[in-house]
Amino acid sequence: MDRFRLDALARRSLLRRLRTIDSAPGAEVELEGRRILLFSSNNYLDLATHPRVTEAAISAIRRYGVGAGASRLVSGSLRPHRELEERLAAFKRVEAALVFPTGYQASLGLITTLAEDCSVFYADRLCHASLIDACRLCDAPLRVYRHRDHAQLTRLLQRGRTPRPALVVTDGVFSMDGDLAPLPELDKAAEQASATVVVDDAHGTGVMGATGRGTVEHFGLEGRPLVQMGTLSKALGGLGGFVAGSRDLIAYLVNRARAFIYTTALPPAQAAAAIAALDVIEDEPERRERLWALRRRLHDGVRQAGFDTLDSRTPIIPLLIGDAEAALRLSEALLSHGIYAPAIRPPTVPAGTSRIRLSVTAGHTPAQIDHLLEVLQKICASDDSLRERLRGAPPPPS
C-alpha cells in the first residue's frame, strides 16, 4: 500500500525526498557533493553561524551540557531559559514570555490552552499548519476566513457573537506568500467583538518593524492586547518557540499548556544562542538593512522578468507557477545551474498555486542575486511552456 501511494504522489509531481547538506547554513552550502547557492533558508539575518551566537552556545554547553534533562516544571528549568524569556519580553515590549522546545509546540500549547475559554476560532485560510492543527485539537469550532479578508472576518465575528469570546488566529508574515496579515484591521474587528487576536510572528520576528521586533511593531500596534508567538529558528538562527504577552497569560500557560508541561525543555545552548542573537539584532541594525536592500534587488528583478510574486512584502518571494510539474521542472533546472530553491507544491500550498519560494538572507551578496536573475532568464528563454505561463502573470509595477 505504501508503494502504491508513493507512486501516486510521483505521478502527480508531489513526491518529496530529503536532500543532505554537508556544511553550515549560509548563502553557499555543500549539497550532495556540490557547492551551490541556497535560496530557500529562513536564516534571514545570517545568524546561524554568527560568532557571537555560536560562542554563546558553546559556552552554555560547557557549563550546562547538551540537554535540559527534564521538563521545566520537574528539574529542567535552567537559568538560560529564564534569561531568554526576560530578553524576549523586553524585545517584544510585553510583560512576560515563555519558551517552548519548538515553534510547533508553542502553537499547540498556546491555542489549546486559550481554547478553555474560547467559543470559536477564526483562522486565516493560509495560516501555518501548526496553527490549524492546534485549533482542530480543540472542542471549539474552527471557522476559516478568506486570506487577509478582514471584512469577511468582521461579518463572521458580528454574526457569531456568543457569551464566551472568540479567538482570531493569523500569521504575521505568511510563510509561502511572503505577504502580511492586515493586523490593524484584525485588531479593530476583534476589539469590536471582544475577541482576542493571536499573531504567529515566526517569519516577522527579527525582520519586520523599524527595529526588527516584528509585524506588531511594523504596524505600530505595540501596547495593544495582541498575543504574540514565534520561533527562535528563523531570523534568530537557532531552535525553539515562544509566546509573549501578559504575566497572567504566561503564568497560566506554565500551569496548563500540555505542550510545555509534558516535554523536555529546550537545550540550554539553544536558549543561550537565542539571547546572543537578540543582542546582535539590536547591536547590528545594518544586517536588517542589508537584508532589505537585497530583497528589493531580487524582487524588482523577478518582477521585471515577468514572474508573479503575489503580494510579497517580505524577504519571502514566491514565483507563482501554478502547475506542480512545471514548478518541479523549474526547481530542477535551477539546481542544474547550482541554485537550490525547491518547488513548493500541495498540500503545503493550495492546488494550482505551486511555486518556487525564494528567500533572501543578509548573507547573500548583490552578485549572487544577479546570478540568480541571470539563471532564471536563461531557463525561461529555453523553456517554451514556462515562458507561456509567465505571459499570464501580472505586469511588473511601473
Protein backbone atom coordinates (compact mmCIF):
# COMPACT_ATOMS: atom_id res chain seq x y z
CA MET A 1 0.00 0.00 0.00
CA ASP A 2 2.84 2.41 0.82
CA ARG A 3 4.48 1.83 -2.59
CA PHE A 4 1.13 2.39 -4.32
CA ARG A 5 0.68 5.70 -2.52
CA LEU A 6 4.25 6.77 -3.25
CA ASP A 7 3.77 6.00 -6.95
CA ALA A 8 0.56 8.03 -6.94
CA LEU A 9 2.40 11.01 -5.46
CA ALA A 10 5.15 10.67 -8.05
CA ARG A 11 2.63 10.66 -10.94
CA ARG A 12 1.22 13.97 -9.62
CA SER A 13 4.71 15.52 -9.20
CA LEU A 14 4.11 15.63 -5.44
CA LEU A 15 6.74 13.15 -4.26
CA ARG A 16 9.39 14.66 -2.00
CA ARG A 17 12.76 13.45 -0.78
CA LEU A 18 15.24 14.68 1.75
CA ARG A 19 18.49 16.21 0.49
CA THR A 20 21.65 16.21 2.62
CA ILE A 21 23.65 19.40 3.18
CA ASP A 22 27.20 18.86 4.44
CA SER A 23 28.04 22.37 5.57
CA ALA A 24 26.85 25.09 7.92
CA PRO A 25 23.78 27.05 6.78
CA GLY A 26 24.61 30.09 4.71
CA ALA A 27 24.26 31.64 1.27
CA GLU A 28 26.50 28.89 -0.13
CA VAL A 29 26.31 25.31 1.06
CA GLU A 30 27.64 21.88 0.14
CA LEU A 31 24.70 19.89 -1.20
CA GLU A 32 25.38 16.26 -2.02
CA GLY A 33 28.95 16.96 -3.09
CA ARG A 34 28.31 20.28 -4.88
CA ARG A 35 28.78 23.88 -3.82
CA ILE A 36 25.50 25.60 -4.53
CA LEU A 37 23.70 28.85 -3.77
CA LEU A 38 20.92 28.39 -1.22
CA PHE A 39 17.80 30.49 -1.76
CA SER A 40 15.38 28.58 0.48
CA SER A 41 16.60 29.19 4.03
CA ASN A 42 14.74 31.07 6.78
CA ASN A 43 18.08 32.13 8.29
CA TYR A 44 17.15 35.70 7.32
CA LEU A 45 19.80 37.60 9.28
CA ASP A 46 22.53 35.00 8.70
CA LEU A 47 22.83 34.47 12.46
CA ALA A 48 23.05 30.66 12.48
CA THR A 49 26.83 30.94 12.10
CA HIS A 50 27.43 34.35 13.70
CA PRO A 51 30.49 34.12 16.02
CA ARG A 52 28.68 35.67 18.99
CA VAL A 53 25.76 33.26 18.59
CA THR A 54 27.86 30.12 18.17
CA GLU A 55 30.23 31.06 21.02
CA ALA A 56 27.26 31.62 23.32
CA ALA A 57 26.01 28.12 22.51
CA ILE A 58 29.43 26.56 23.04
CA SER A 59 29.87 28.30 26.39
CA ALA A 60 26.43 27.11 27.52
CA ILE A 61 27.26 23.53 26.56
CA ARG A 62 30.44 23.67 28.62
CA ARG A 63 28.52 24.93 31.65
CA TYR A 64 25.13 23.19 31.35
CA GLY A 65 25.69 20.25 28.99
CA VAL A 66 23.75 19.40 25.86
CA GLY A 67 20.29 18.77 27.33
CA ALA A 68 17.99 20.17 29.98
CA GLY A 69 17.36 16.75 31.49
CA ALA A 70 13.65 17.12 32.18
CA SER A 71 10.59 19.27 31.65
CA ARG A 72 10.74 22.79 33.06
CA LEU A 73 8.38 22.01 35.94
CA VAL A 74 10.34 18.92 37.01
CA SER A 75 14.01 19.87 37.04
CA GLY A 76 14.79 21.24 33.59
CA SER A 77 14.25 24.95 34.08
CA LEU A 78 17.74 26.40 33.77
CA ARG A 79 18.99 29.94 34.08
CA PRO A 80 19.39 30.42 30.29
CA HIS A 81 15.66 29.72 29.89
CA ARG A 82 14.71 32.43 32.37
CA GLU A 83 17.20 34.92 30.92
CA LEU A 84 15.91 34.26 27.40
CA GLU A 85 12.31 34.79 28.47
CA GLU A 86 13.22 38.09 30.08
CA ARG A 87 15.04 39.17 26.92
CA LEU A 88 12.15 38.11 24.68
CA ALA A 89 9.64 40.03 26.80
CA ALA A 90 11.82 43.15 26.62
CA PHE A 91 12.36 42.68 22.87
CA LYS A 92 8.63 42.29 22.20
CA ARG A 93 7.84 45.07 24.74
CA VAL A 94 5.38 42.96 26.71
CA GLU A 95 5.21 41.84 30.33
CA ALA A 96 6.42 38.27 30.00
CA ALA A 97 7.35 35.41 27.67
CA LEU A 98 7.52 31.62 27.76
CA VAL A 99 9.87 29.43 25.73
CA PHE A 100 8.91 26.10 24.16
CA PRO A 101 11.21 23.50 22.54
CA THR A 102 9.81 24.28 19.05
CA GLY A 103 7.55 26.77 17.36
CA TYR A 104 5.08 23.98 16.60
CA GLN A 105 4.81 23.20 20.31
CA ALA A 106 4.32 26.88 21.08
CA SER A 107 1.33 26.88 18.72
CA LEU A 108 -0.16 23.77 20.29
CA GLY A 109 0.47 24.91 23.84
CA LEU A 110 -0.91 28.41 23.42
CA ILE A 111 -4.01 27.70 21.36
CA THR A 112 -5.18 24.60 23.18
CA THR A 113 -4.87 26.49 26.47
CA LEU A 114 -6.71 29.58 25.23
CA ALA A 115 -9.42 27.26 23.92
CA GLU A 116 -10.54 26.60 27.50
CA ASP A 117 -12.37 29.95 27.45
CA CYS A 118 -12.96 30.21 23.69
CA SER A 119 -16.27 29.77 21.91
CA VAL A 120 -14.99 29.62 18.32
CA PHE A 121 -11.76 30.01 16.35
CA TYR A 122 -11.43 32.20 13.28
CA ALA A 123 -8.33 31.48 11.21
CA ASP A 124 -6.93 32.91 8.01
CA ARG A 125 -7.14 30.37 5.18
CA LEU A 126 -3.34 30.41 4.77
CA CYS A 127 -2.38 30.11 8.43
CA HIS A 128 0.59 27.86 9.17
CA ALA A 129 -0.26 24.18 9.60
CA SER A 130 0.71 24.27 13.29
CA LEU A 131 -1.99 26.86 13.99
CA ILE A 132 -4.67 24.93 12.09
CA ASP A 133 -3.64 21.67 13.77
CA ALA A 134 -3.83 23.30 17.19
CA CYS A 135 -7.33 24.64 16.51
CA ARG A 136 -8.52 21.25 15.28
CA LEU A 137 -7.38 19.63 18.53
CA CYS A 138 -9.83 21.77 20.47
CA ASP A 139 -13.54 21.37 21.15
CA ALA A 140 -14.37 24.86 19.86
CA PRO A 141 -15.43 25.00 16.17
CA LEU A 142 -12.99 26.37 13.58
CA ARG A 143 -14.17 28.93 11.02
CA VAL A 144 -11.78 29.78 8.19
CA TYR A 145 -11.97 33.22 6.57
CA ARG A 146 -10.60 34.17 3.17
CA HIS A 147 -6.94 35.08 3.09
CA ARG A 148 -6.43 38.55 4.65
CA ASP A 149 -10.13 39.31 4.20
CA HIS A 150 -10.75 41.39 7.32
CA ALA A 151 -14.18 42.45 6.05
CA GLN A 152 -15.34 38.84 5.98
CA LEU A 153 -13.86 38.28 9.43
CA THR A 154 -15.76 41.30 10.75
CA ARG A 155 -19.03 39.89 9.42
CA LEU A 156 -18.31 36.46 10.88
CA LEU A 157 -17.49 37.93 14.28
CA GLN A 158 -20.67 40.02 14.29
CA ARG A 159 -22.85 37.06 13.30
CA GLY A 160 -21.23 34.62 15.70
CA ARG A 161 -21.42 36.52 18.99
CA THR A 162 -21.58 34.15 21.98
CA PRO A 163 -21.25 34.50 25.76
CA ARG A 164 -17.63 33.37 25.53
CA PRO A 165 -15.01 35.27 23.49
CA ALA A 166 -13.77 34.19 20.09
CA LEU A 167 -10.14 33.73 19.12
CA VAL A 168 -8.74 35.14 15.86
CA VAL A 169 -5.62 33.31 14.67
CA THR A 170 -3.27 34.59 11.97
CA ASP A 171 0.31 34.55 10.78
CA GLY A 172 2.04 37.93 10.86
CA VAL A 173 4.06 37.09 7.74
CA PHE A 174 2.61 34.27 5.65
CA SER A 175 5.37 31.78 5.05
CA MET A 176 4.57 30.73 1.48
CA ASP A 177 3.22 34.00 0.03
CA GLY A 178 5.50 36.46 1.80
CA ASP A 179 2.63 38.86 2.42
CA LEU A 180 1.43 40.45 5.66
CA ALA A 181 -1.69 39.99 7.73
CA PRO A 182 -3.79 43.19 7.96
CA LEU A 183 -3.18 43.39 11.70
CA PRO A 184 -4.70 46.86 12.30
CA GLU A 185 -7.99 45.77 10.74
CA LEU A 186 -7.95 42.41 12.53
CA ASP A 187 -7.27 44.16 15.83
CA LYS A 188 -10.18 46.55 15.25
CA ALA A 189 -12.59 43.76 14.29
CA ALA A 190 -11.57 41.72 17.34
CA GLU A 191 -11.94 44.68 19.70
CA GLN A 192 -15.49 45.33 18.48
CA ALA A 193 -16.39 41.68 19.11
CA SER A 194 -14.45 41.34 22.41
CA ALA A 195 -12.29 38.70 20.72
CA THR A 196 -8.57 38.01 21.12
CA VAL A 197 -6.03 38.06 18.27
CA VAL A 198 -3.14 35.57 18.26
CA VAL A 199 -0.30 36.53 15.89
CA ASP A 200 2.23 33.90 14.87
CA ASP A 201 5.22 36.09 14.07
CA ALA A 202 7.61 33.29 13.18
CA HIS A 203 8.75 34.97 9.96
CA GLY A 204 8.39 38.55 11.22
CA THR A 205 10.48 38.45 14.39
CA GLY A 206 13.89 39.95 13.70
CA VAL A 207 12.84 41.08 10.21
CA MET A 208 9.79 43.34 10.31
CA GLY A 209 9.49 46.70 12.05
CA ALA A 210 11.87 49.63 12.46
CA THR A 211 13.99 47.68 14.97
CA GLY A 212 13.11 44.12 13.93
CA ARG A 213 10.60 43.48 16.69
CA GLY A 214 8.09 42.04 14.24
CA THR A 215 4.82 42.76 12.49
CA VAL A 216 3.23 44.26 15.61
CA GLU A 217 5.97 46.92 15.60
CA HIS A 218 5.70 47.25 11.82
CA PHE A 219 2.03 48.24 12.13
CA GLY A 220 2.50 50.40 15.24
CA LEU A 221 0.35 48.13 17.41
CA GLU A 222 2.64 47.77 20.40
CA GLY A 223 0.62 48.11 23.58
CA ARG A 224 -2.47 46.55 22.00
CA PRO A 225 -3.83 43.33 23.61
CA LEU A 226 -2.46 41.04 20.91
CA VAL A 227 -0.95 37.70 21.91
CA GLN A 228 2.31 37.11 20.06
CA MET A 229 4.14 33.89 19.41
CA GLY A 230 7.08 33.00 17.23
CA THR A 231 10.20 30.92 16.75
CA LEU A 232 13.89 31.11 17.52
CA SER A 233 14.65 29.09 14.39
CA LYS A 234 14.36 31.64 11.61
CA ALA A 235 15.87 35.14 11.90
CA LEU A 236 17.41 34.17 15.27
CA GLY A 237 19.18 31.24 13.65
CA GLY A 238 18.57 28.52 16.25
CA LEU A 239 15.73 26.38 17.56
CA GLY A 240 12.71 26.90 19.78
CA GLY A 241 9.39 28.69 20.07
CA PHE A 242 7.93 31.31 22.36
CA VAL A 243 4.76 33.06 23.47
CA ALA A 244 4.86 36.72 24.54
CA GLY A 245 2.07 38.52 26.37
CA SER A 246 0.77 39.40 29.82
CA ARG A 247 2.20 37.99 33.05
CA ASP A 248 -1.11 36.32 33.82
CA LEU A 249 -1.22 34.60 30.43
CA ILE A 250 2.33 33.28 30.80
CA ALA A 251 1.70 32.07 34.35
CA TYR A 252 -1.42 30.24 33.19
CA LEU A 253 0.46 28.60 30.30
CA VAL A 254 3.06 27.31 32.75
CA ASN A 255 0.26 25.61 34.65
CA ARG A 256 -1.99 24.45 31.81
CA ALA A 257 -0.17 24.21 28.45
CA ARG A 258 0.34 20.49 27.87
CA ALA A 259 2.91 21.11 25.12
CA PHE A 260 5.00 22.95 27.74
CA ILE A 261 4.38 20.77 30.79
CA TYR A 262 4.90 17.33 29.26
CA THR A 263 8.10 17.75 27.27
CA THR A 264 11.81 18.09 27.97
CA ALA A 265 12.91 21.70 27.97
CA LEU A 266 14.76 23.47 25.19
CA PRO A 267 18.52 22.64 25.27
CA PRO A 268 20.26 25.38 27.28
CA ALA A 269 22.71 26.02 24.44
CA GLN A 270 19.81 26.99 22.18
CA ALA A 271 18.49 29.41 24.81
CA ALA A 272 21.94 30.99 25.14
CA ALA A 273 22.26 31.23 21.35
CA ALA A 274 18.89 32.99 21.10
CA ILE A 275 19.92 35.53 23.74
CA ALA A 276 23.08 36.30 21.76
CA ALA A 277 21.04 36.53 18.54
CA LEU A 278 18.73 39.12 20.12
CA ASP A 279 21.81 41.09 21.16
CA VAL A 280 23.15 41.01 17.59
CA ILE A 281 19.80 42.13 16.17
CA GLU A 282 19.89 45.19 18.42
CA ASP A 283 23.64 45.86 18.02
CA GLU A 284 23.90 45.33 14.25
CA PRO A 285 20.91 47.00 12.54
CA GLU A 286 22.94 47.04 9.33
CA ARG A 287 22.20 43.33 8.95
CA ARG A 288 18.50 44.03 8.58
CA GLU A 289 19.22 46.98 6.27
CA ARG A 290 21.34 44.74 4.04
CA LEU A 291 18.62 42.10 4.01
CA TRP A 292 16.01 44.58 2.81
CA ALA A 293 18.32 46.03 0.14
CA LEU A 294 18.93 42.54 -1.23
CA ARG A 295 15.24 41.75 -1.06
CA ARG A 296 14.38 44.82 -3.15
CA ARG A 297 17.05 43.87 -5.71
CA LEU A 298 15.69 40.35 -6.14
CA HIS A 299 12.01 41.29 -6.05
CA ASP A 300 12.44 44.01 -8.66
CA GLY A 301 14.43 41.63 -10.85
CA VAL A 302 11.98 38.72 -10.85
CA ARG A 303 9.06 41.09 -11.43
CA GLN A 304 10.83 42.58 -14.44
CA ALA A 305 11.38 39.03 -15.70
CA GLY A 306 7.61 38.53 -15.67
CA PHE A 307 7.09 36.40 -12.58
CA ASP A 308 4.01 36.78 -10.41
CA THR A 309 5.23 37.30 -6.83
CA LEU A 310 1.72 37.54 -5.39
CA ASP A 311 1.66 40.32 -2.78
CA SER A 312 5.06 39.65 -1.25
CA ARG A 313 6.22 42.40 1.08
CA THR A 314 9.00 40.46 2.81
CA PRO A 315 12.21 38.51 2.12
CA ILE A 316 9.97 35.58 1.14
CA ILE A 317 9.42 35.95 -2.61
CA PRO A 318 7.23 33.35 -4.33
CA LEU A 319 7.47 32.76 -8.06
CA LEU A 320 3.95 31.54 -8.82
CA ILE A 321 3.94 28.79 -11.46
CA GLY A 322 0.63 27.05 -10.84
CA ASP A 323 1.18 23.50 -12.09
CA ALA A 324 3.15 21.23 -9.74
CA GLU A 325 5.06 19.52 -12.56
CA ALA A 326 6.14 22.84 -14.07
CA ALA A 327 7.26 24.15 -10.69
CA LEU A 328 9.27 20.97 -10.09
CA ARG A 329 10.85 21.28 -13.53
CA LEU A 330 11.92 24.87 -12.82
CA SER A 331 13.37 23.86 -9.46
CA GLU A 332 15.39 21.07 -11.07
CA ALA A 333 16.62 23.44 -13.78
CA LEU A 334 17.78 25.89 -11.11
CA LEU A 335 19.61 23.12 -9.30
CA SER A 336 21.36 22.10 -12.51
CA HIS A 337 22.75 25.65 -12.54
CA GLY A 338 23.89 25.41 -8.92
CA ILE A 339 20.92 27.11 -7.23
CA TYR A 340 18.79 25.33 -4.64
CA ALA A 341 15.22 26.63 -4.42
CA PRO A 342 12.75 23.75 -4.00
CA ALA A 343 9.33 23.66 -5.62
CA ILE A 344 6.53 24.24 -3.11
CA ARG A 345 3.54 22.05 -4.01
CA PRO A 346 0.31 20.81 -2.44
CA PRO A 347 -0.51 20.17 0.34
CA THR A 348 1.84 22.93 1.51
CA VAL A 349 0.04 25.36 -0.83
CA PRO A 350 -3.42 25.06 -2.45
CA ALA A 351 -3.78 23.09 -5.67
CA GLY A 352 -2.99 25.18 -8.73
CA THR A 353 -0.63 27.52 -6.85
CA SER A 354 2.65 25.59 -6.93
CA ARG A 355 5.64 27.86 -6.89
CA ILE A 356 9.31 28.41 -6.30
CA ARG A 357 9.69 30.01 -2.88
CA LEU A 358 12.79 32.21 -2.89
CA SER A 359 14.03 33.56 0.42
CA VAL A 360 16.75 36.17 0.80
CA THR A 361 19.19 36.40 3.70
CA ALA A 362 21.64 39.01 4.87
CA GLY A 363 24.37 36.54 3.95
CA HIS A 364 23.69 36.82 0.22
CA THR A 365 25.60 39.28 -1.95
CA PRO A 366 24.36 41.52 -4.78
CA ALA A 367 26.41 39.39 -7.21
CA GLN A 368 24.61 36.23 -6.05
CA ILE A 369 21.24 37.91 -6.52
CA ASP A 370 22.21 38.98 -10.02
CA HIS A 371 23.44 35.47 -10.83
CA LEU A 372 20.08 34.01 -9.79
CA LEU A 373 18.28 36.50 -12.01
CA GLU A 374 20.54 35.65 -14.96
CA VAL A 375 19.89 31.93 -14.49
CA LEU A 376 16.13 32.48 -14.32
CA GLN A 377 16.26 34.47 -17.55
CA LYS A 378 18.26 31.71 -19.24
CA ILE A 379 15.86 28.96 -18.10
CA CYS A 380 12.81 30.93 -19.22
CA ALA A 381 14.36 31.57 -22.62
CA SER A 382 14.83 27.83 -23.17
CA ASP A 383 11.50 26.59 -21.73
CA ASP A 384 8.56 27.39 -24.00
CA SER A 385 5.86 26.22 -21.58
CA LEU A 386 7.26 28.25 -18.71
CA ARG A 387 7.52 31.29 -20.96
CA GLU A 388 3.84 30.84 -21.86
CA ARG A 389 2.92 30.71 -18.18
CA LEU A 390 4.79 33.94 -17.49
CA ARG A 391 2.80 35.72 -20.17
CA GLY A 392 -0.23 35.35 -17.93
CA ALA A 393 1.49 36.92 -14.93
CA PRO A 394 0.50 40.44 -13.81
CA PRO A 395 2.70 43.17 -15.29
CA PRO A 396 5.53 44.47 -13.11
CA PRO A 397 4.86 47.77 -11.28
CA SER A 398 5.67 50.87 -13.31
